Amino acid sequence: MGKSSKPVGKADAVGAVASGEVTEPAAAPRPARPRVKPPGRYHHGDLRGALLDAAEWLLARRGAESLTLRDVARRAGVSHAAPYHHFAGLAELLAALAERSFAQLGVAMQAGVDAHPGDARAQLTAIAAAYVDFARQRPARFRLMFGPVLASRARHPGLQRAADATFAVLLAAATRFDPAAGPLLALSGWSLAHGVSHLDLDGAFAGLPLDGPLPDATTLVGLMSERLLGRA
């Protein structure tokens, strides 16, 4: 005999559920709740720092002339508009990178001072060596720090403070060495270290008609500092 085509009644349906023959349809998957980004927070945790890191990386490979905010944003992994949360334009970002670089140079110079407590002469020699080392290890940032951006430091108070604080490390050591001629000695030492740094970066010491090879720039500036201090 064939199956009955009689519609299933209420009692039959209840019995089927009780016997396990009928199951409820699977519930539709609940849509994922969108993640709401807290205001003022970025996936980097520190957008400004991430942008400066990206700019530093690009600067070392391309130089300041070919740097763009779009490239910096791409390197940092953020939208092209993201840099404008912290910088009005490329000039402001470069000034901030120069500010960071001056602060790092100041730390390196102060470490030279701290390594020779009570010996101002050795402190000055160590400062000169730290200055040249910084230039040799970070040539693109060194050129940025003392390029056109430095002339605009009046428009960038943070850069002005960082540059002043770095010079203050040298001035304090020079004044400890010679209280009467501290400022002149500081300017002389800075000019010496800066000149050696640039001549070294530009390859000017190579092939000079001198007897024997020159020492590396860090050793050379130490020897020249000793001569300068001997006449102070």
C-alpha atoms as a PDB file:
ATOM      1  CA  MET A   1       0.000   0.000   0.000  1.00  0.00           C
ATOM      2  CA  GLY A   2       1.222   3.562  -0.653  1.00  0.00           C
ATOM      3  CA  LYS A   3       1.738   6.218   2.007  1.00  0.00           C
ATOM      4  CA  SER A   4      -1.294   8.199   3.024  1.00  0.00           C
ATOM      5  CA  SER A   5      -1.523  11.724   1.725  1.00  0.00           C
ATOM      6  CA  LYS A   6      -3.523  12.809   4.765  1.00  0.00           C
ATOM      7  CA  PRO A   7      -2.169  16.067   6.181  1.00  0.00           C
ATOM      8  CA  VAL A   8      -0.321  15.764   9.440  1.00  0.00           C
ATOM      9  CA  GLY A   9      -2.448  16.954  12.311  1.00  0.00           C
ATOM     10  CA  LYS A  10      -1.406  18.844  15.411  1.00  0.00           C
ATOM     11  CA  ALA A  11      -1.289  15.697  17.512  1.00  0.00           C
ATOM     12  CA  ASP A  12       0.858  13.953  14.902  1.00  0.00           C
ATOM     13  CA  ALA A  13       3.325  16.864  14.838  1.00  0.00           C
ATOM     14  CA  VAL A  14       3.624  16.891  18.611  1.00  0.00           C
ATOM     15  CA  GLY A  15       4.273  13.152  18.589  1.00  0.00           C
ATOM     16  CA  ALA A  16       6.932  13.495  15.940  1.00  0.00           C
ATOM     17  CA  VAL A  17       8.790  16.121  17.954  1.00  0.00           C
ATOM     18  CA  ALA A  18       8.587  13.964  21.051  1.00  0.00           C
ATOM     19  CA  SER A  19       9.983  10.957  19.207  1.00  0.00           C
ATOM     20  CA  GLY A  20      12.882  12.907  17.709  1.00  0.00           C
ATOM     21  CA  GLU A  21      11.737  12.521  14.150  1.00  0.00           C
ATOM     22  CA  VAL A  22      11.403  16.286  13.569  1.00  0.00           C
ATOM     23  CA  THR A  23      14.162  18.826  14.340  1.00  0.00           C
ATOM     24  CA  GLU A  24      14.046  22.587  14.447  1.00  0.00           C
ATOM     25  CA  PRO A  25      15.713  24.394  11.544  1.00  0.00           C
ATOM     26  CA  ALA A  26      19.268  25.611  12.322  1.00  0.00           C
ATOM     27  CA  ALA A  27      19.391  29.173  13.580  1.00  0.00           C
ATOM     28  CA  ALA A  28      20.794  31.728  11.123  1.00  0.00           C
ATOM     29  CA  PRO A  29      24.363  32.765  12.006  1.00  0.00           C
ATOM     30  CA  ARG A  30      24.475  35.950  14.018  1.00  0.00           C
ATOM     31  CA  PRO A  31      26.178  38.725  12.068  1.00  0.00           C
ATOM     32  CA  ALA A  32      29.574  39.753  13.423  1.00  0.00           C
ATOM     33  CA  ARG A  33      29.495  42.927  15.450  1.00  0.00           C
ATOM     34  CA  PRO A  34      31.561  45.650  13.837  1.00  0.00           C
ATOM     35  CA  ARG A  35      34.646  46.619  15.810  1.00  0.00           C
ATOM     36  CA  VAL A  36      34.425  50.193  16.871  1.00  0.00           C
ATOM     37  CA  LYS A  37      37.799  51.950  16.980  1.00  0.00           C
ATOM     38  CA  PRO A  38      38.099  54.080  20.104  1.00  0.00           C
ATOM     39  CA  PRO A  39      38.346  57.758  19.239  1.00  0.00           C
ATOM     40  CA  GLY A  40      41.908  59.012  18.959  1.00  0.00           C
ATOM     41  CA  ARG A  41      43.405  55.517  18.806  1.00  0.00           C
ATOM     42  CA  TYR A  42      45.223  54.005  15.828  1.00  0.00           C
ATOM     43  CA  HIS A  43      46.263  50.481  15.134  1.00  0.00           C
ATOM     44  CA  HIS A  44      49.889  51.548  15.558  1.00  0.00           C
ATOM     45  CA  GLY A  45      49.218  52.749  19.091  1.00  0.00           C
ATOM     46  CA  ASP A  46      51.375  55.808  18.300  1.00  0.00           C
ATOM     47  CA  LEU A  47      50.596  57.225  14.884  1.00  0.00           C
ATOM     48  CA  ARG A  48      52.983  60.152  15.211  1.00  0.00           C
ATOM     49  CA  GLY A  49      55.879  57.903  16.181  1.00  0.00           C
ATOM     50  CA  ALA A  50      55.047  55.448  13.393  1.00  0.00           C
ATOM     51  CA  LEU A  51      55.088  58.255  10.830  1.00  0.00           C
ATOM     52  CA  LEU A  52      58.442  59.535  12.087  1.00  0.00           C
ATOM     53  CA  ASP A  53      59.874  56.007  11.961  1.00  0.00           C
ATOM     54  CA  ALA A  54      58.653  55.649   8.384  1.00  0.00           C
ATOM     55  CA  ALA A  55      60.077  59.044   7.413  1.00  0.00           C
ATOM     56  CA  GLU A  56      63.410  58.146   8.994  1.00  0.00           C
ATOM     57  CA  TRP A  57      63.548  54.885   7.029  1.00  0.00           C
ATOM     58  CA  LEU A  58      62.696  56.595   3.745  1.00  0.00           C
ATOM     59  CA  LEU A  59      65.042  59.512   4.379  1.00  0.00           C
ATOM     60  CA  ALA A  60      68.007  57.180   4.760  1.00  0.00           C
ATOM     61  CA  ARG A  61      67.261  55.649   1.358  1.00  0.00           C
ATOM     62  CA  ARG A  62      65.980  58.569  -0.719  1.00  0.00           C
ATOM     63  CA  GLY A  63      67.040  61.821   0.904  1.00  0.00           C
ATOM     64  CA  ALA A  64      64.750  64.664   1.876  1.00  0.00           C
ATOM     65  CA  GLU A  65      64.332  65.967  -1.679  1.00  0.00           C
ATOM     66  CA  SER A  66      62.259  62.996  -2.866  1.00  0.00           C
ATOM     67  CA  LEU A  67      60.315  62.394   0.337  1.00  0.00           C
ATOM     68  CA  THR A  68      56.520  62.815   0.235  1.00  0.00           C
ATOM     69  CA  LEU A  69      53.783  62.514   2.845  1.00  0.00           C
ATOM     70  CA  ARG A  70      52.065  59.945   0.655  1.00  0.00           C
ATOM     71  CA  ASP A  71      55.171  57.744   0.690  1.00  0.00           C
ATOM     72  CA  VAL A  72      55.509  58.135   4.445  1.00  0.00           C
ATOM     73  CA  ALA A  73      51.869  57.147   4.976  1.00  0.00           C
ATOM     74  CA  ARG A  74      52.264  54.120   2.729  1.00  0.00           C
ATOM     75  CA  ARG A  75      55.405  53.025   4.554  1.00  0.00           C
ATOM     76  CA  ALA A  76      53.637  53.425   7.911  1.00  0.00           C
ATOM     77  CA  GLY A  77      50.660  51.429   6.660  1.00  0.00           C
ATOM     78  CA  VAL A  78      48.059  54.161   7.132  1.00  0.00           C
ATOM     79  CA  SER A  79      45.780  56.136   4.844  1.00  0.00           C
ATOM     80  CA  HIS A  80      47.141  59.047   2.838  1.00  0.00           C
ATOM     81  CA  ALA A  81      45.146  61.424   5.021  1.00  0.00           C
ATOM     82  CA  ALA A  82      46.438  60.026   8.329  1.00  0.00           C
ATOM     83  CA  PRO A  83      49.616  62.159   8.559  1.00  0.00           C
ATOM     84  CA  TYR A  84      47.483  65.303   8.681  1.00  0.00           C
ATOM     85  CA  HIS A  85      46.276  64.286  12.139  1.00  0.00           C
ATOM     86  CA  HIS A  86      49.722  65.334  13.396  1.00  0.00           C
ATOM     87  CA  PHE A  87      51.474  67.337  10.677  1.00  0.00           C
ATOM     88  CA  ALA A  88      50.166  70.208   8.587  1.00  0.00           C
ATOM     89  CA  GLY A  89      52.457  69.163   5.757  1.00  0.00           C
ATOM     90  CA  LEU A  90      55.809  67.652   4.826  1.00  0.00           C
ATOM     91  CA  ALA A  91      57.769  70.613   6.244  1.00  0.00           C
ATOM     92  CA  GLU A  92      56.288  70.017   9.698  1.00  0.00           C
ATOM     93  CA  LEU A  93      57.085  66.302   9.555  1.00  0.00           C
ATOM     94  CA  LEU A  94      60.704  66.977   8.550  1.00  0.00           C
ATOM     95  CA  ALA A  95      61.032  69.529  11.346  1.00  0.00           C
ATOM     96  CA  ALA A  96      59.750  66.927  13.812  1.00  0.00           C
ATOM     97  CA  LEU A  97      62.257  64.388  12.478  1.00  0.00           C
ATOM     98  CA  ALA A  98      65.060  66.935  12.854  1.00  0.00           C
ATOM     99  CA  GLU A  99      63.852  67.629  16.396  1.00  0.00           C
ATOM    100  CA  ARG A 100      64.018  63.917  17.213  1.00  0.00           C
ATOM    101  CA  SER A 101      67.505  63.736  15.696  1.00  0.00           C
ATOM    102  CA  PHE A 102      68.821  66.674  17.727  1.00  0.00           C
ATOM    103  CA  ALA A 103      67.474  65.054  20.867  1.00  0.00           C
ATOM    104  CA  GLN A 104      69.294  61.816  20.023  1.00  0.00           C
ATOM    105  CA  LEU A 105      72.512  63.697  19.269  1.00  0.00           C
ATOM    106  CA  GLY A 106      72.204  65.474  22.598  1.00  0.00           C
ATOM    107  CA  VAL A 107      71.839  62.145  24.400  1.00  0.00           C
ATOM    108  CA  ALA A 108      74.979  60.819  22.680  1.00  0.00           C
ATOM    109  CA  MET A 109      76.936  63.945  23.590  1.00  0.00           C
ATOM    110  CA  GLN A 110      75.748  63.807  27.198  1.00  0.00           C
ATOM    111  CA  ALA A 111      76.838  60.183  27.396  1.00  0.00           C
ATOM    112  CA  GLY A 112      80.347  61.363  26.499  1.00  0.00           C
ATOM    113  CA  VAL A 113      80.183  63.870  29.343  1.00  0.00           C
ATOM    114  CA  ASP A 114      78.901  61.287  31.805  1.00  0.00           C
ATOM    115  CA  ALA A 115      81.706  58.899  30.879  1.00  0.00           C
ATOM    116  CA  HIS A 116      84.312  61.377  32.200  1.00  0.00           C
ATOM    117  CA  PRO A 117      83.013  62.910  35.436  1.00  0.00           C
ATOM    118  CA  GLY A 118      85.182  65.735  36.707  1.00  0.00           C
ATOM    119  CA  ASP A 119      87.370  65.855  33.562  1.00  0.00           C
ATOM    120  CA  ALA A 120      86.115  68.662  31.317  1.00  0.00           C
ATOM    121  CA  ARG A 121      88.910  68.187  28.803  1.00  0.00           C
ATOM    122  CA  ALA A 122      88.006  64.535  28.247  1.00  0.00           C
ATOM    123  CA  GLN A 123      84.346  65.517  28.117  1.00  0.00           C
ATOM    124  CA  LEU A 124      84.949  67.922  25.259  1.00  0.00           C
ATOM    125  CA  THR A 125      86.942  65.353  23.320  1.00  0.00           C
ATOM    126  CA  ALA A 126      84.186  62.775  23.867  1.00  0.00           C
ATOM    127  CA  ILE A 127      81.532  65.245  22.705  1.00  0.00           C
ATOM    128  CA  ALA A 128      83.428  65.845  19.469  1.00  0.00           C
ATOM    129  CA  ALA A 129      83.755  62.097  18.884  1.00  0.00           C
ATOM    130  CA  ALA A 130      80.045  61.550  19.584  1.00  0.00           C
ATOM    131  CA  TYR A 131      79.167  64.305  17.116  1.00  0.00           C
ATOM    132  CA  VAL A 132      81.225  62.796  14.306  1.00  0.00           C
ATOM    133  CA  ASP A 133      79.966  59.284  15.094  1.00  0.00           C
ATOM    134  CA  PHE A 134      76.382  60.483  14.864  1.00  0.00           C
ATOM    135  CA  ALA A 135      77.020  62.019  11.441  1.00  0.00           C
ATOM    136  CA  ARG A 136      78.749  58.894  10.148  1.00  0.00           C
ATOM    137  CA  GLN A 137      76.003  56.570  11.351  1.00  0.00           C
ATOM    138  CA  ARG A 138      73.043  58.757  10.270  1.00  0.00           C
ATOM    139  CA  PRO A 139      74.280  60.827   7.307  1.00  0.00           C
ATOM    140  CA  ALA A 140      70.852  61.607   5.827  1.00  0.00           C
ATOM    141  CA  ARG A 141      69.466  62.811   9.137  1.00  0.00           C
ATOM    142  CA  PHE A 142      72.619  64.786   9.854  1.00  0.00           C
ATOM    143  CA  ARG A 143      72.225  66.635   6.559  1.00  0.00           C
ATOM    144  CA  LEU A 144      68.536  67.203   7.302  1.00  0.00           C
ATOM    145  CA  MET A 145      69.273  68.652  10.752  1.00  0.00           C
ATOM    146  CA  PHE A 146      71.635  71.267   9.355  1.00  0.00           C
ATOM    147  CA  GLY A 147      69.857  71.878   6.076  1.00  0.00           C
ATOM    148  CA  PRO A 148      67.082  74.381   5.268  1.00  0.00           C
ATOM    149  CA  VAL A 149      64.905  72.995   8.050  1.00  0.00           C
ATOM    150  CA  LEU A 150      67.249  74.463  10.678  1.00  0.00           C
ATOM    151  CA  ALA A 151      66.822  77.951   9.230  1.00  0.00           C
ATOM    152  CA  SER A 152      63.073  77.615   9.819  1.00  0.00           C
ATOM    153  CA  ARG A 153      63.391  76.590  13.464  1.00  0.00           C
ATOM    154  CA  ALA A 154      61.731  79.819  14.641  1.00  0.00           C
ATOM    155  CA  ARG A 155      58.489  78.380  13.205  1.00  0.00           C
ATOM    156  CA  HIS A 156      59.021  75.046  14.977  1.00  0.00           C
ATOM    157  CA  PRO A 157      59.438  75.580  18.735  1.00  0.00           C
ATOM    158  CA  GLY A 158      60.139  71.906  19.414  1.00  0.00           C
ATOM    159  CA  LEU A 159      63.022  71.903  16.966  1.00  0.00           C
ATOM    160  CA  GLN A 160      64.362  75.131  18.464  1.00  0.00           C
ATOM    161  CA  ARG A 161      64.319  73.660  21.975  1.00  0.00           C
ATOM    162  CA  ALA A 162      66.011  70.435  20.888  1.00  0.00           C
ATOM    163  CA  ALA A 163      68.771  72.254  19.003  1.00  0.00           C
ATOM    164  CA  ASP A 164      69.354  74.614  21.930  1.00  0.00           C
ATOM    165  CA  ALA A 165      69.482  71.750  24.427  1.00  0.00           C
ATOM    166  CA  THR A 166      72.078  69.946  22.318  1.00  0.00           C
ATOM    167  CA  PHE A 167      74.314  72.994  22.121  1.00  0.00           C
ATOM    168  CA  ALA A 168      73.862  73.514  25.874  1.00  0.00           C
ATOM    169  CA  VAL A 169      75.628  70.175  26.518  1.00  0.00           C
ATOM    170  CA  LEU A 170      78.690  71.446  24.658  1.00  0.00           C
ATOM    171  CA  LEU A 171      78.545  74.923  26.167  1.00  0.00           C
ATOM    172  CA  ALA A 172      78.380  73.562  29.722  1.00  0.00           C
ATOM    173  CA  ALA A 173      81.432  71.366  29.195  1.00  0.00           C
ATOM    174  CA  ALA A 174      83.368  74.180  27.527  1.00  0.00           C
ATOM    175  CA  THR A 175      82.559  76.548  30.400  1.00  0.00           C
ATOM    176  CA  ARG A 176      83.695  73.969  32.931  1.00  0.00           C
ATOM    177  CA  PHE A 177      86.980  73.709  31.064  1.00  0.00           C
ATOM    178  CA  ASP A 178      87.482  77.473  30.704  1.00  0.00           C
ATOM    179  CA  PRO A 179      84.929  79.662  32.530  1.00  0.00           C
ATOM    180  CA  ALA A 180      86.243  82.852  30.910  1.00  0.00           C
ATOM    181  CA  ALA A 181      86.213  81.632  27.301  1.00  0.00           C
ATOM    182  CA  GLY A 182      83.484  78.966  27.443  1.00  0.00           C
ATOM    183  CA  PRO A 183      81.244  80.325  24.654  1.00  0.00           C
ATOM    184  CA  LEU A 184      84.129  80.894  22.229  1.00  0.00           C
ATOM    185  CA  LEU A 185      85.558  77.469  22.991  1.00  0.00           C
ATOM    186  CA  ALA A 186      82.141  75.854  22.457  1.00  0.00           C
ATOM    187  CA  LEU A 187      81.760  77.549  19.077  1.00  0.00           C
ATOM    188  CA  SER A 188      85.292  76.551  18.092  1.00  0.00           C
ATOM    189  CA  GLY A 189      84.717  72.925  19.100  1.00  0.00           C
ATOM    190  CA  TRP A 190      81.373  72.766  17.327  1.00  0.00           C
ATOM    191  CA  SER A 191      82.856  74.224  14.135  1.00  0.00           C
ATOM    192  CA  LEU A 192      85.677  71.705  14.301  1.00  0.00           C
ATOM    193  CA  ALA A 193      83.426  68.661  14.803  1.00  0.00           C
ATOM    194  CA  HIS A 194      80.899  69.861  12.242  1.00  0.00           C
ATOM    195  CA  GLY A 195      83.552  70.545   9.635  1.00  0.00           C
ATOM    196  CA  VAL A 196      85.177  67.158  10.114  1.00  0.00           C
ATOM    197  CA  SER A 197      81.765  65.485   9.874  1.00  0.00           C
ATOM    198  CA  HIS A 198      80.859  67.127   6.589  1.00  0.00           C
ATOM    199  CA  LEU A 199      84.288  66.659   5.039  1.00  0.00           C
ATOM    200  CA  ASP A 200      84.162  62.985   5.976  1.00  0.00           C
ATOM    201  CA  LEU A 201      80.637  62.489   4.584  1.00  0.00           C
ATOM    202  CA  ASP A 202      81.612  64.205   1.348  1.00  0.00           C
ATOM    203  CA  GLY A 203      84.731  62.050   0.953  1.00  0.00           C
ATOM    204  CA  ALA A 204      87.020  65.065   1.046  1.00  0.00           C
ATOM    205  CA  PHE A 205      89.696  63.331   3.132  1.00  0.00           C
ATOM    206  CA  ALA A 206      90.279  60.609   0.542  1.00  0.00           C
ATOM    207  CA  GLY A 207      93.372  60.981  -1.607  1.00  0.00           C
ATOM    208  CA  LEU A 208      94.867  64.005   0.102  1.00  0.00           C
ATOM    209  CA  PRO A 209      98.584  64.517  -0.686  1.00  0.00           C
ATOM    210  CA  LEU A 210      99.712  63.633   2.815  1.00  0.00           C
ATOM    211  CA  ASP A 211     102.302  61.224   4.078  1.00  0.00           C
ATOM    212  CA  GLY A 212     100.533  58.072   5.163  1.00  0.00           C
ATOM    213  CA  PRO A 213      96.803  57.387   5.489  1.00  0.00           C
ATOM    214  CA  LEU A 214      94.602  59.517   7.718  1.00  0.00           C
ATOM    215  CA  PRO A 215      92.923  57.922  10.725  1.00  0.00           C
ATOM    216  CA  ASP A 216      89.147  57.529  10.660  1.00  0.00           C
ATOM    217  CA  ALA A 217      87.139  60.693  11.216  1.00  0.00           C
ATOM    218  CA  THR A 218      86.291  59.909  14.846  1.00  0.00           C
ATOM    219  CA  THR A 219      89.951  59.428  15.760  1.00  0.00           C
ATOM    220  CA  LEU A 220      90.924  62.457  13.704  1.00  0.00           C
ATOM    221  CA  VAL A 221      88.507  64.795  15.473  1.00  0.00           C
ATOM    222  CA  GLY A 222      89.826  63.545  18.815  1.00  0.00           C
ATOM    223  CA  LEU A 223      93.382  64.426  17.838  1.00  0.00           C
ATOM    224  CA  MET A 224      92.315  67.814  16.529  1.00  0.00           C
ATOM    225  CA  SER A 225      90.335  68.501  19.712  1.00  0.00           C
ATOM    226  CA  GLU A 226      93.397  67.812  21.784  1.00  0.00           C
ATOM    227  CA  ARG A 227      95.327  70.364  19.749  1.00  0.00           C
ATOM    228  CA  LEU A 228      92.536  72.926  20.155  1.00  0.00           C
ATOM    229  CA  LEU A 229      92.270  72.381  23.881  1.00  0.00           C
ATOM    230  CA  GLY A 230      96.029  72.566  24.283  1.00  0.00           C
ATOM    231  CA  ARG A 231      95.880  76.195  23.124  1.00  0.00           C
ATOM    232  CA  ALA A 232      92.730  77.108  25.062  1.00  0.00           C
END
